[in-house]
């Protein structure tokens, strides 16, 4: 589960072609900041 904590609506756009799932989360950019995901390994399997 996740929540729309923006002031504008958001929409999920999904497609499945040639065994590739493409997900786009459409909305309105309300901040000048960009977001990137980072994953750190903290243990053998954590």
ModelCIF file with pLDDT and N, C-alpha, C, O atoms, coordinates in Angstrom:
data_MODEL
#
_entry.id   MODEL 
#
_entity.id                         1 
_entity.type                       polymer 
_entity.pdbx_number_of_molecules   1 
#
_entity_poly.entity_id                      1 
_entity_poly.type                           'polypeptide(L)' 
_entity_poly.nstd_linkage                   no 
_entity_poly.nstd_monomer                   no 
_entity_poly.pdbx_seq_one_letter_code       
;(UNK)(UNK)(UNK)(UNK)(UNK)(UNK)(UNK)(UNK)(UNK)(UNK)(UNK)(UNK)(UNK)(UNK)(UNK)(UNK)
(UNK)(UNK)(UNK)(UNK)(UNK)(UNK)(UNK)(UNK)(UNK)(UNK)(UNK)(UNK)(UNK)(UNK)(UNK)(UNK)
(UNK)(UNK)(UNK)(UNK)(UNK)(UNK)(UNK)(UNK)(UNK)(UNK)(UNK)(UNK)(UNK)(UNK)
;
_entity_poly.pdbx_seq_one_letter_code_can   XXXXXXXXXXXXXXXXXXXXXXXXXXXXXXXXXXXXXXXXXXXXXX 
_entity_poly.pdbx_strand_id                 A 
#
loop_
_entity_poly_seq.entity_id 
_entity_poly_seq.num 
_entity_poly_seq.mon_id 
_entity_poly_seq.hetero 
1 1  UNK n 
1 2  UNK n 
1 3  UNK n 
1 4  UNK n 
1 5  UNK n 
1 6  UNK n 
1 7  UNK n 
1 8  UNK n 
1 9  UNK n 
1 10 UNK n 
1 11 UNK n 
1 12 UNK n 
1 13 UNK n 
1 14 UNK n 
1 15 UNK n 
1 16 UNK n 
1 17 UNK n 
1 18 UNK n 
1 19 UNK n 
1 20 UNK n 
1 21 UNK n 
1 22 UNK n 
1 23 UNK n 
1 24 UNK n 
1 25 UNK n 
1 26 UNK n 
1 27 UNK n 
1 28 UNK n 
1 29 UNK n 
1 30 UNK n 
1 31 UNK n 
1 32 UNK n 
1 33 UNK n 
1 34 UNK n 
1 35 UNK n 
1 36 UNK n 
1 37 UNK n 
1 38 UNK n 
1 39 UNK n 
1 40 UNK n 
1 41 UNK n 
1 42 UNK n 
1 43 UNK n 
1 44 UNK n 
1 45 UNK n 
1 46 UNK n 
#
_struct_asym.id          A 
_struct_asym.entity_id   1 
#
loop_
_ma_qa_metric.id 
_ma_qa_metric.mode 
_ma_qa_metric.name 
_ma_qa_metric.software_group_id 
_ma_qa_metric.type 
1 global pLDDT . pLDDT 
2 local  pLDDT . pLDDT 
#
_ma_qa_metric_global.metric_id      1 
_ma_qa_metric_global.metric_value   96.80 
_ma_qa_metric_global.model_id       1 
_ma_qa_metric_global.ordinal_id     1 
#
loop_
_ma_qa_metric_local.label_asym_id 
_ma_qa_metric_local.label_comp_id 
_ma_qa_metric_local.label_seq_id 
_ma_qa_metric_local.metric_id 
_ma_qa_metric_local.metric_value 
_ma_qa_metric_local.model_id 
_ma_qa_metric_local.ordinal_id 
A UNK 1  2 98.00 1 1  
A UNK 2  2 98.00 1 2  
A UNK 3  2 98.00 1 3  
A UNK 4  2 98.00 1 4  
A UNK 5  2 97.00 1 5  
A UNK 6  2 96.00 1 6  
A UNK 7  2 95.00 1 7  
A UNK 8  2 97.00 1 8  
A UNK 9  2 98.00 1 9  
A UNK 10 2 98.00 1 10 
A UNK 11 2 98.00 1 11 
A UNK 12 2 98.00 1 12 
A UNK 13 2 98.00 1 13 
A UNK 14 2 98.00 1 14 
A UNK 15 2 98.00 1 15 
A UNK 16 2 97.00 1 16 
A UNK 17 2 96.00 1 17 
A UNK 18 2 95.00 1 18 
A UNK 19 2 96.00 1 19 
A UNK 20 2 97.00 1 20 
A UNK 21 2 98.00 1 21 
A UNK 22 2 98.00 1 22 
A UNK 23 2 98.00 1 23 
A UNK 24 2 98.00 1 24 
A UNK 25 2 98.00 1 25 
A UNK 26 2 98.00 1 26 
A UNK 27 2 97.00 1 27 
A UNK 28 2 97.00 1 28 
A UNK 29 2 95.00 1 29 
A UNK 30 2 94.00 1 30 
A UNK 31 2 93.00 1 31 
A UNK 32 2 93.00 1 32 
A UNK 33 2 96.00 1 33 
A UNK 34 2 96.00 1 34 
A UNK 35 2 97.00 1 35 
A UNK 36 2 97.00 1 36 
A UNK 37 2 97.00 1 37 
A UNK 38 2 98.00 1 38 
A UNK 39 2 98.00 1 39 
A UNK 40 2 98.00 1 40 
A UNK 41 2 97.00 1 41 
A UNK 42 2 97.00 1 42 
A UNK 43 2 95.00 1 43 
A UNK 44 2 94.00 1 44 
A UNK 45 2 95.00 1 45 
A UNK 46 2 97.00 1 46 
#
loop_
_atom_site.group_PDB 
_atom_site.id 
_atom_site.type_symbol 
_atom_site.label_atom_id 
_atom_site.label_alt_id 
_atom_site.label_comp_id 
_atom_site.label_asym_id 
_atom_site.label_entity_id 
_atom_site.label_seq_id 
_atom_site.pdbx_PDB_ins_code 
_atom_site.Cartn_x 
_atom_site.Cartn_y 
_atom_site.Cartn_z 
_atom_site.occupancy 
_atom_site.B_iso_or_equiv 
_atom_site.pdbx_formal_charge 
_atom_site.auth_seq_id 
_atom_site.auth_comp_id 
_atom_site.auth_asym_id 
_atom_site.auth_atom_id 
_atom_site.pdbx_PDB_model_num 
ATOM 1   N N  . UNK A 1 1  ? 0.840  -1.196  0.000   1.00 98.00 ? 1  UNK A N  1 
ATOM 2   C CA . UNK A 1 1  ? 0.000  0.000   0.000   1.00 98.00 ? 1  UNK A CA 1 
ATOM 3   C C  . UNK A 1 1  ? 0.874  1.245   0.000   1.00 98.00 ? 1  UNK A C  1 
ATOM 4   O O  . UNK A 1 1  ? 1.947  1.274   0.602   1.00 98.00 ? 1  UNK A O  1 
ATOM 5   N N  . UNK A 1 2  ? 0.393  2.265   -0.685  1.00 98.00 ? 2  UNK A N  1 
ATOM 6   C CA . UNK A 1 2  ? 1.035  3.584   -0.611  1.00 98.00 ? 2  UNK A CA 1 
ATOM 7   C C  . UNK A 1 2  ? -0.047 4.659   -0.712  1.00 98.00 ? 2  UNK A C  1 
ATOM 8   O O  . UNK A 1 2  ? -1.182 4.389   -1.104  1.00 98.00 ? 2  UNK A O  1 
ATOM 9   N N  . UNK A 1 3  ? 0.337  5.888   -0.349  1.00 98.00 ? 3  UNK A N  1 
ATOM 10  C CA . UNK A 1 3  ? -0.622 6.981   -0.230  1.00 98.00 ? 3  UNK A CA 1 
ATOM 11  C C  . UNK A 1 3  ? -0.204 8.156   -1.098  1.00 98.00 ? 3  UNK A C  1 
ATOM 12  O O  . UNK A 1 3  ? 0.980  8.471   -1.221  1.00 98.00 ? 3  UNK A O  1 
ATOM 13  N N  . UNK A 1 4  ? -1.216 8.806   -1.704  1.00 98.00 ? 4  UNK A N  1 
ATOM 14  C CA . UNK A 1 4  ? -0.953 10.032  -2.455  1.00 98.00 ? 4  UNK A CA 1 
ATOM 15  C C  . UNK A 1 4  ? -0.886 11.191  -1.471  1.00 98.00 ? 4  UNK A C  1 
ATOM 16  O O  . UNK A 1 4  ? -1.913 11.710  -1.033  1.00 98.00 ? 4  UNK A O  1 
ATOM 17  N N  . UNK A 1 5  ? 0.337  11.590  -1.130  1.00 97.00 ? 5  UNK A N  1 
ATOM 18  C CA . UNK A 1 5  ? 0.517  12.709  -0.206  1.00 97.00 ? 5  UNK A CA 1 
ATOM 19  C C  . UNK A 1 5  ? 0.795  14.008  -0.957  1.00 97.00 ? 5  UNK A C  1 
ATOM 20  O O  . UNK A 1 5  ? 1.337  14.950  -0.379  1.00 97.00 ? 5  UNK A O  1 
ATOM 21  N N  . UNK A 1 6  ? 0.432  14.069  -2.234  1.00 96.00 ? 6  UNK A N  1 
ATOM 22  C CA . UNK A 1 6  ? 0.602  15.271  -3.039  1.00 96.00 ? 6  UNK A CA 1 
ATOM 23  C C  . UNK A 1 6  ? -0.697 16.076  -3.050  1.00 96.00 ? 6  UNK A C  1 
ATOM 24  O O  . UNK A 1 6  ? -1.746 15.586  -2.633  1.00 96.00 ? 6  UNK A O  1 
ATOM 25  N N  . UNK A 1 7  ? -0.612 17.306  -3.528  1.00 95.00 ? 7  UNK A N  1 
ATOM 26  C CA . UNK A 1 7  ? -1.792 18.161  -3.655  1.00 95.00 ? 7  UNK A CA 1 
ATOM 27  C C  . UNK A 1 7  ? -2.570 17.864  -4.925  1.00 95.00 ? 7  UNK A C  1 
ATOM 28  O O  . UNK A 1 7  ? -3.753 18.191  -5.019  1.00 95.00 ? 7  UNK A O  1 
ATOM 29  N N  . UNK A 1 8  ? -1.922 17.252  -5.898  1.00 97.00 ? 8  UNK A N  1 
ATOM 30  C CA . UNK A 1 8  ? -2.563 16.900  -7.176  1.00 97.00 ? 8  UNK A CA 1 
ATOM 31  C C  . UNK A 1 8  ? -2.841 15.397  -7.221  1.00 97.00 ? 8  UNK A C  1 
ATOM 32  O O  . UNK A 1 8  ? -2.196 14.630  -6.506  1.00 97.00 ? 8  UNK A O  1 
ATOM 33  N N  . UNK A 1 9  ? -3.786 14.971  -8.047  1.00 98.00 ? 9  UNK A N  1 
ATOM 34  C CA . UNK A 1 9  ? -4.020 13.538  -8.238  1.00 98.00 ? 9  UNK A CA 1 
ATOM 35  C C  . UNK A 1 9  ? -2.820 12.874  -8.920  1.00 98.00 ? 9  UNK A C  1 
ATOM 36  O O  . UNK A 1 9  ? -2.025 13.528  -9.595  1.00 98.00 ? 9  UNK A O  1 
ATOM 37  N N  . UNK A 1 10 ? -2.715 11.576  -8.727  1.00 98.00 ? 10 UNK A N  1 
ATOM 38  C CA . UNK A 1 10 ? -1.719 10.784  -9.450  1.00 98.00 ? 10 UNK A CA 1 
ATOM 39  C C  . UNK A 1 10 ? -2.440 9.640   -10.166 1.00 98.00 ? 10 UNK A C  1 
ATOM 40  O O  . UNK A 1 10 ? -3.556 9.262   -9.812  1.00 98.00 ? 10 UNK A O  1 
ATOM 41  N N  . UNK A 1 11 ? -1.761 9.103   -11.188 1.00 98.00 ? 11 UNK A N  1 
ATOM 42  C CA . UNK A 1 11 ? -2.351 8.001   -11.953 1.00 98.00 ? 11 UNK A CA 1 
ATOM 43  C C  . UNK A 1 11 ? -1.272 6.981   -12.272 1.00 98.00 ? 11 UNK A C  1 
ATOM 44  O O  . UNK A 1 11 ? -0.134 7.333   -12.584 1.00 98.00 ? 11 UNK A O  1 
ATOM 45  N N  . UNK A 1 12 ? -1.650 5.703   -12.188 1.00 98.00 ? 12 UNK A N  1 
ATOM 46  C CA . UNK A 1 12 ? -0.746 4.625   -12.568 1.00 98.00 ? 12 UNK A CA 1 
ATOM 47  C C  . UNK A 1 12 ? -0.965 4.296   -14.043 1.00 98.00 ? 12 UNK A C  1 
ATOM 48  O O  . UNK A 1 12 ? -2.091 4.092   -14.496 1.00 98.00 ? 12 UNK A O  1 
ATOM 49  N N  . UNK A 1 13 ? 0.128  4.253   -14.764 1.00 98.00 ? 13 UNK A N  1 
ATOM 50  C CA . UNK A 1 13 ? 0.083  3.849   -16.174 1.00 98.00 ? 13 UNK A CA 1 
ATOM 51  C C  . UNK A 1 13 ? 0.951  2.608   -16.320 1.00 98.00 ? 13 UNK A C  1 
ATOM 52  O O  . UNK A 1 13 ? 2.169  2.685   -16.156 1.00 98.00 ? 13 UNK A O  1 
ATOM 53  N N  . UNK A 1 14 ? 0.339  1.461   -16.626 1.00 98.00 ? 14 UNK A N  1 
ATOM 54  C CA . UNK A 1 14 ? 1.049  0.197   -16.730 1.00 98.00 ? 14 UNK A CA 1 
ATOM 55  C C  . UNK A 1 14 ? 0.841  -0.409  -18.120 1.00 98.00 ? 14 UNK A C  1 
ATOM 56  O O  . UNK A 1 14 ? -0.238 -0.307  -18.704 1.00 98.00 ? 14 UNK A O  1 
ATOM 57  N N  . UNK A 1 15 ? 1.872  -1.027  -18.621 1.00 98.00 ? 15 UNK A N  1 
ATOM 58  C CA . UNK A 1 15 ? 1.768  -1.769  -19.886 1.00 98.00 ? 15 UNK A CA 1 
ATOM 59  C C  . UNK A 1 15 ? 2.599  -3.042  -19.768 1.00 98.00 ? 15 UNK A C  1 
ATOM 60  O O  . UNK A 1 15 ? 3.499  -3.133  -18.933 1.00 98.00 ? 15 UNK A O  1 
ATOM 61  N N  . UNK A 1 16 ? 2.289  -4.026  -20.616 1.00 97.00 ? 16 UNK A N  1 
ATOM 62  C CA . UNK A 1 16 ? 3.005  -5.299  -20.616 1.00 97.00 ? 16 UNK A CA 1 
ATOM 63  C C  . UNK A 1 16 ? 3.150  -5.755  -22.056 1.00 97.00 ? 16 UNK A C  1 
ATOM 64  O O  . UNK A 1 16 ? 2.212  -6.270  -22.665 1.00 97.00 ? 16 UNK A O  1 
ATOM 65  N N  . UNK A 1 17 ? 4.356  -5.552  -22.589 1.00 96.00 ? 17 UNK A N  1 
ATOM 66  C CA . UNK A 1 17 ? 4.635  -5.913  -23.974 1.00 96.00 ? 17 UNK A CA 1 
ATOM 67  C C  . UNK A 1 17 ? 5.983  -6.621  -24.052 1.00 96.00 ? 17 UNK A C  1 
ATOM 68  O O  . UNK A 1 17 ? 6.960  -6.217  -23.423 1.00 96.00 ? 17 UNK A O  1 
ATOM 69  N N  . UNK A 1 18 ? 6.001  -7.702  -24.852 1.00 95.00 ? 18 UNK A N  1 
ATOM 70  C CA . UNK A 1 18 ? 7.231  -8.466  -25.057 1.00 95.00 ? 18 UNK A CA 1 
ATOM 71  C C  . UNK A 1 18 ? 7.856  -8.871  -23.723 1.00 95.00 ? 18 UNK A C  1 
ATOM 72  O O  . UNK A 1 18 ? 9.071  -8.812  -23.531 1.00 95.00 ? 18 UNK A O  1 
ATOM 73  N N  . UNK A 1 19 ? 6.968  -9.288  -22.804 1.00 96.00 ? 19 UNK A N  1 
ATOM 74  C CA . UNK A 1 19 ? 7.375  -9.767  -21.474 1.00 96.00 ? 19 UNK A CA 1 
ATOM 75  C C  . UNK A 1 19 ? 7.980  -8.667  -20.589 1.00 96.00 ? 19 UNK A C  1 
ATOM 76  O O  . UNK A 1 19 ? 8.571  -8.974  -19.553 1.00 96.00 ? 19 UNK A O  1 
ATOM 77  N N  . UNK A 1 20 ? 7.843  -7.401  -20.977 1.00 97.00 ? 20 UNK A N  1 
ATOM 78  C CA . UNK A 1 20 ? 8.373  -6.288  -20.200 1.00 97.00 ? 20 UNK A CA 1 
ATOM 79  C C  . UNK A 1 20 ? 7.216  -5.526  -19.545 1.00 97.00 ? 20 UNK A C  1 
ATOM 80  O O  . UNK A 1 20 ? 6.285  -5.076  -20.213 1.00 97.00 ? 20 UNK A O  1 
ATOM 81  N N  . UNK A 1 21 ? 7.305  -5.398  -18.221 1.00 98.00 ? 21 UNK A N  1 
ATOM 82  C CA . UNK A 1 21 ? 6.320  -4.596  -17.483 1.00 98.00 ? 21 UNK A CA 1 
ATOM 83  C C  . UNK A 1 21 ? 6.876  -3.181  -17.365 1.00 98.00 ? 21 UNK A C  1 
ATOM 84  O O  . UNK A 1 21 ? 7.989  -2.983  -16.879 1.00 98.00 ? 21 UNK A O  1 
ATOM 85  N N  . UNK A 1 22 ? 6.100  -2.202  -17.811 1.00 98.00 ? 22 UNK A N  1 
ATOM 86  C CA . UNK A 1 22 ? 6.480  -0.795  -17.673 1.00 98.00 ? 22 UNK A CA 1 
ATOM 87  C C  . UNK A 1 22 ? 5.481  -0.101  -16.759 1.00 98.00 ? 22 UNK A C  1 
ATOM 88  O O  . UNK A 1 22 ? 4.274  -0.134  -17.000 1.00 98.00 ? 22 UNK A O  1 
ATOM 89  N N  . UNK A 1 23 ? 5.997  0.527   -15.708 1.00 98.00 ? 23 UNK A N  1 
ATOM 90  C CA . UNK A 1 23 ? 5.151  1.272   -14.775 1.00 98.00 ? 23 UNK A CA 1 
ATOM 91  C C  . UNK A 1 23 ? 5.557  2.736   -14.806 1.00 98.00 ? 23 UNK A C  1 
ATOM 92  O O  . UNK A 1 23 ? 6.732  3.071   -14.658 1.00 98.00 ? 23 UNK A O  1 
ATOM 93  N N  . UNK A 1 24 ? 4.579  3.595   -14.999 1.00 98.00 ? 24 UNK A N  1 
ATOM 94  C CA . UNK A 1 24 ? 4.791  5.045   -14.866 1.00 98.00 ? 24 UNK A CA 1 
ATOM 95  C C  . UNK A 1 24 ? 3.800  5.579   -13.827 1.00 98.00 ? 24 UNK A C  1 
ATOM 96  O O  . UNK A 1 24 ? 2.611  5.260   -13.852 1.00 98.00 ? 24 UNK A O  1 
ATOM 97  N N  . UNK A 1 25 ? 4.321  6.395   -12.924 1.00 98.00 ? 25 UNK A N  1 
ATOM 98  C CA . UNK A 1 25 ? 3.448  7.095   -11.966 1.00 98.00 ? 25 UNK A CA 1 
ATOM 99  C C  . UNK A 1 25 ? 3.355  8.536   -12.446 1.00 98.00 ? 25 UNK A C  1 
ATOM 100 O O  . UNK A 1 25 ? 4.323  9.294   -12.380 1.00 98.00 ? 25 UNK A O  1 
ATOM 101 N N  . UNK A 1 26 ? 2.170  8.900   -12.930 1.00 98.00 ? 26 UNK A N  1 
ATOM 102 C CA . UNK A 1 26 ? 1.959  10.213  -13.518 1.00 98.00 ? 26 UNK A CA 1 
ATOM 103 C C  . UNK A 1 26 ? 1.346  11.146  -12.488 1.00 98.00 ? 26 UNK A C  1 
ATOM 104 O O  . UNK A 1 26 ? 0.523  10.733  -11.671 1.00 98.00 ? 26 UNK A O  1 
ATOM 105 N N  . UNK A 1 27 ? 1.750  12.389  -12.532 1.00 97.00 ? 27 UNK A N  1 
ATOM 106 C CA . UNK A 1 27 ? 1.203  13.377  -11.615 1.00 97.00 ? 27 UNK A CA 1 
ATOM 107 C C  . UNK A 1 27 ? 1.697  14.756  -11.964 1.00 97.00 ? 27 UNK A C  1 
ATOM 108 O O  . UNK A 1 27 ? 1.907  15.081  -13.133 1.00 97.00 ? 27 UNK A O  1 
ATOM 109 N N  . UNK A 1 28 ? 1.881  15.560  -10.946 1.00 97.00 ? 28 UNK A N  1 
ATOM 110 C CA . UNK A 1 28 ? 2.349  16.939  -11.130 1.00 97.00 ? 28 UNK A CA 1 
ATOM 111 C C  . UNK A 1 28 ? 3.556  17.147  -10.225 1.00 97.00 ? 28 UNK A C  1 
ATOM 112 O O  . UNK A 1 28 ? 3.475  16.957  -9.012  1.00 97.00 ? 28 UNK A O  1 
ATOM 113 N N  . UNK A 1 29 ? 4.654  17.532  -10.815 1.00 95.00 ? 29 UNK A N  1 
ATOM 114 C CA . UNK A 1 29 ? 5.866  17.761  -10.042 1.00 95.00 ? 29 UNK A CA 1 
ATOM 115 C C  . UNK A 1 29 ? 5.679  18.987  -9.154  1.00 95.00 ? 29 UNK A C  1 
ATOM 116 O O  . UNK A 1 29 ? 5.532  20.104  -9.650  1.00 95.00 ? 29 UNK A O  1 
ATOM 117 N N  . UNK A 1 30 ? 5.686  18.776  -7.865  1.00 94.00 ? 30 UNK A N  1 
ATOM 118 C CA . UNK A 1 30 ? 5.419  19.864  -6.928  1.00 94.00 ? 30 UNK A CA 1 
ATOM 119 C C  . UNK A 1 30 ? 6.675  20.344  -6.221  1.00 94.00 ? 30 UNK A C  1 
ATOM 120 O O  . UNK A 1 30 ? 6.611  21.255  -5.395  1.00 94.00 ? 30 UNK A O  1 
ATOM 121 N N  . UNK A 1 31 ? 7.804  19.747  -6.531  1.00 93.00 ? 31 UNK A N  1 
ATOM 122 C CA . UNK A 1 31 ? 9.061  20.132  -5.882  1.00 93.00 ? 31 UNK A CA 1 
ATOM 123 C C  . UNK A 1 31 ? 10.167 20.170  -6.926  1.00 93.00 ? 31 UNK A C  1 
ATOM 124 O O  . UNK A 1 31 ? 10.114 19.469  -7.936  1.00 93.00 ? 31 UNK A O  1 
ATOM 125 N N  . UNK A 1 32 ? 11.166 20.998  -6.664  1.00 93.00 ? 32 UNK A N  1 
ATOM 126 C CA . UNK A 1 32 ? 12.315 21.072  -7.562  1.00 93.00 ? 32 UNK A CA 1 
ATOM 127 C C  . UNK A 1 32 ? 13.308 19.956  -7.298  1.00 93.00 ? 32 UNK A C  1 
ATOM 128 O O  . UNK A 1 32 ? 14.275 19.801  -8.045  1.00 93.00 ? 32 UNK A O  1 
ATOM 129 N N  . UNK A 1 33 ? 13.090 19.182  -6.259  1.00 96.00 ? 33 UNK A N  1 
ATOM 130 C CA . UNK A 1 33 ? 14.022 18.107  -5.919  1.00 96.00 ? 33 UNK A CA 1 
ATOM 131 C C  . UNK A 1 33 ? 13.740 16.863  -6.751  1.00 96.00 ? 33 UNK A C  1 
ATOM 132 O O  . UNK A 1 33 ? 12.586 16.551  -7.046  1.00 96.00 ? 33 UNK A O  1 
ATOM 133 N N  . UNK A 1 34 ? 14.778 16.172  -7.118  1.00 96.00 ? 34 UNK A N  1 
ATOM 134 C CA . UNK A 1 34 ? 14.654 14.884  -7.792  1.00 96.00 ? 34 UNK A CA 1 
ATOM 135 C C  . UNK A 1 34 ? 14.954 13.780  -6.792  1.00 96.00 ? 34 UNK A C  1 
ATOM 136 O O  . UNK A 1 34 ? 15.666 13.994  -5.812  1.00 96.00 ? 34 UNK A O  1 
ATOM 137 N N  . UNK A 1 35 ? 14.404 12.593  -7.046  1.00 97.00 ? 35 UNK A N  1 
ATOM 138 C CA . UNK A 1 35 ? 14.520 11.485  -6.101  1.00 97.00 ? 35 UNK A CA 1 
ATOM 139 C C  . UNK A 1 35 ? 15.179 10.295  -6.794  1.00 97.00 ? 35 UNK A C  1 
ATOM 140 O O  . UNK A 1 35 ? 14.831 9.948   -7.922  1.00 97.00 ? 35 UNK A O  1 
ATOM 141 N N  . UNK A 1 36 ? 16.129 9.680   -6.106  1.00 97.00 ? 36 UNK A N  1 
ATOM 142 C CA . UNK A 1 36 ? 16.768 8.471   -6.594  1.00 97.00 ? 36 UNK A CA 1 
ATOM 143 C C  . UNK A 1 36 ? 16.788 7.434   -5.490  1.00 97.00 ? 36 UNK A C  1 
ATOM 144 O O  . UNK A 1 36 ? 16.969 7.745   -4.313  1.00 97.00 ? 36 UNK A O  1 
ATOM 145 N N  . UNK A 1 37 ? 16.597 6.186   -5.908  1.00 97.00 ? 37 UNK A N  1 
ATOM 146 C CA . UNK A 1 37 ? 16.593 5.096   -4.933  1.00 97.00 ? 37 UNK A CA 1 
ATOM 147 C C  . UNK A 1 37 ? 18.029 4.617   -4.689  1.00 97.00 ? 37 UNK A C  1 
ATOM 148 O O  . UNK A 1 37 ? 18.849 4.551   -5.604  1.00 97.00 ? 37 UNK A O  1 
ATOM 149 N N  . UNK A 1 38 ? 18.298 4.290   -3.435  1.00 98.00 ? 38 UNK A N  1 
ATOM 150 C CA . UNK A 1 38 ? 19.607 3.751   -3.061  1.00 98.00 ? 38 UNK A CA 1 
ATOM 151 C C  . UNK A 1 38 ? 19.392 2.594   -2.098  1.00 98.00 ? 38 UNK A C  1 
ATOM 152 O O  . UNK A 1 38 ? 18.644 2.708   -1.127  1.00 98.00 ? 38 UNK A O  1 
ATOM 153 N N  . UNK A 1 39 ? 20.075 1.452   -2.388  1.00 98.00 ? 39 UNK A N  1 
ATOM 154 C CA . UNK A 1 39 ? 19.962 0.276   -1.532  1.00 98.00 ? 39 UNK A CA 1 
ATOM 155 C C  . UNK A 1 39 ? 21.352 -0.058  -0.997  1.00 98.00 ? 39 UNK A C  1 
ATOM 156 O O  . UNK A 1 39 ? 22.312 -0.174  -1.758  1.00 98.00 ? 39 UNK A O  1 
ATOM 157 N N  . UNK A 1 40 ? 21.445 -0.209  0.312   1.00 98.00 ? 40 UNK A N  1 
ATOM 158 C CA . UNK A 1 40 ? 22.712 -0.564  0.944   1.00 98.00 ? 40 UNK A CA 1 
ATOM 159 C C  . UNK A 1 40 ? 22.591 -1.956  1.567   1.00 98.00 ? 40 UNK A C  1 
ATOM 160 O O  . UNK A 1 40 ? 21.621 -2.260  2.261   1.00 98.00 ? 40 UNK A O  1 
ATOM 161 N N  . UNK A 1 41 ? 23.604 -2.797  1.302   1.00 97.00 ? 41 UNK A N  1 
ATOM 162 C CA . UNK A 1 41 ? 23.637 -4.117  1.921   1.00 97.00 ? 41 UNK A CA 1 
ATOM 163 C C  . UNK A 1 41 ? 24.194 -3.969  3.339   1.00 97.00 ? 41 UNK A C  1 
ATOM 164 O O  . UNK A 1 41 ? 25.267 -3.401  3.542   1.00 97.00 ? 41 UNK A O  1 
ATOM 165 N N  . UNK A 1 42 ? 23.469 -4.474  4.283   1.00 97.00 ? 42 UNK A N  1 
ATOM 166 C CA . UNK A 1 42 ? 23.865 -4.327  5.690   1.00 97.00 ? 42 UNK A CA 1 
ATOM 167 C C  . UNK A 1 42 ? 24.301 -5.646  6.309   1.00 97.00 ? 42 UNK A C  1 
ATOM 168 O O  . UNK A 1 42 ? 24.804 -5.663  7.433   1.00 97.00 ? 42 UNK A O  1 
ATOM 169 N N  . UNK A 1 43 ? 24.117 -6.747  5.597   1.00 95.00 ? 43 UNK A N  1 
ATOM 170 C CA . UNK A 1 43 ? 24.509 -8.065  6.078   1.00 95.00 ? 43 UNK A CA 1 
ATOM 171 C C  . UNK A 1 43 ? 24.574 -9.012  4.909   1.00 95.00 ? 43 UNK A C  1 
ATOM 172 O O  . UNK A 1 43 ? 24.454 -8.607  3.753   1.00 95.00 ? 43 UNK A O  1 
ATOM 173 N N  . UNK A 1 44 ? 24.769 -10.305 5.225   1.00 94.00 ? 44 UNK A N  1 
ATOM 174 C CA . UNK A 1 44 ? 24.897 -11.272 4.129   1.00 94.00 ? 44 UNK A CA 1 
ATOM 175 C C  . UNK A 1 44 ? 23.668 -11.290 3.247   1.00 94.00 ? 44 UNK A C  1 
ATOM 176 O O  . UNK A 1 44 ? 23.779 -11.368 2.023   1.00 94.00 ? 44 UNK A O  1 
ATOM 177 N N  . UNK A 1 45 ? 22.479 -11.219 3.867   1.00 95.00 ? 45 UNK A N  1 
ATOM 178 C CA . UNK A 1 45 ? 21.232 -11.224 3.098   1.00 95.00 ? 45 UNK A CA 1 
ATOM 179 C C  . UNK A 1 45 ? 20.270 -10.146 3.612   1.00 95.00 ? 45 UNK A C  1 
ATOM 180 O O  . UNK A 1 45 ? 19.055 -10.336 3.573   1.00 95.00 ? 45 UNK A O  1 
ATOM 181 N N  . UNK A 1 46 ? 20.797 -9.031  4.086   1.00 97.00 ? 46 UNK A N  1 
ATOM 182 C CA . UNK A 1 46 ? 19.956 -7.934  4.580   1.00 97.00 ? 46 UNK A CA 1 
ATOM 183 C C  . UNK A 1 46 ? 20.313 -6.648  3.855   1.00 97.00 ? 46 UNK A C  1 
ATOM 184 O O  . UNK A 1 46 ? 19.721 -5.603  4.124   1.00 97.00 ? 46 UNK A O  1 
#
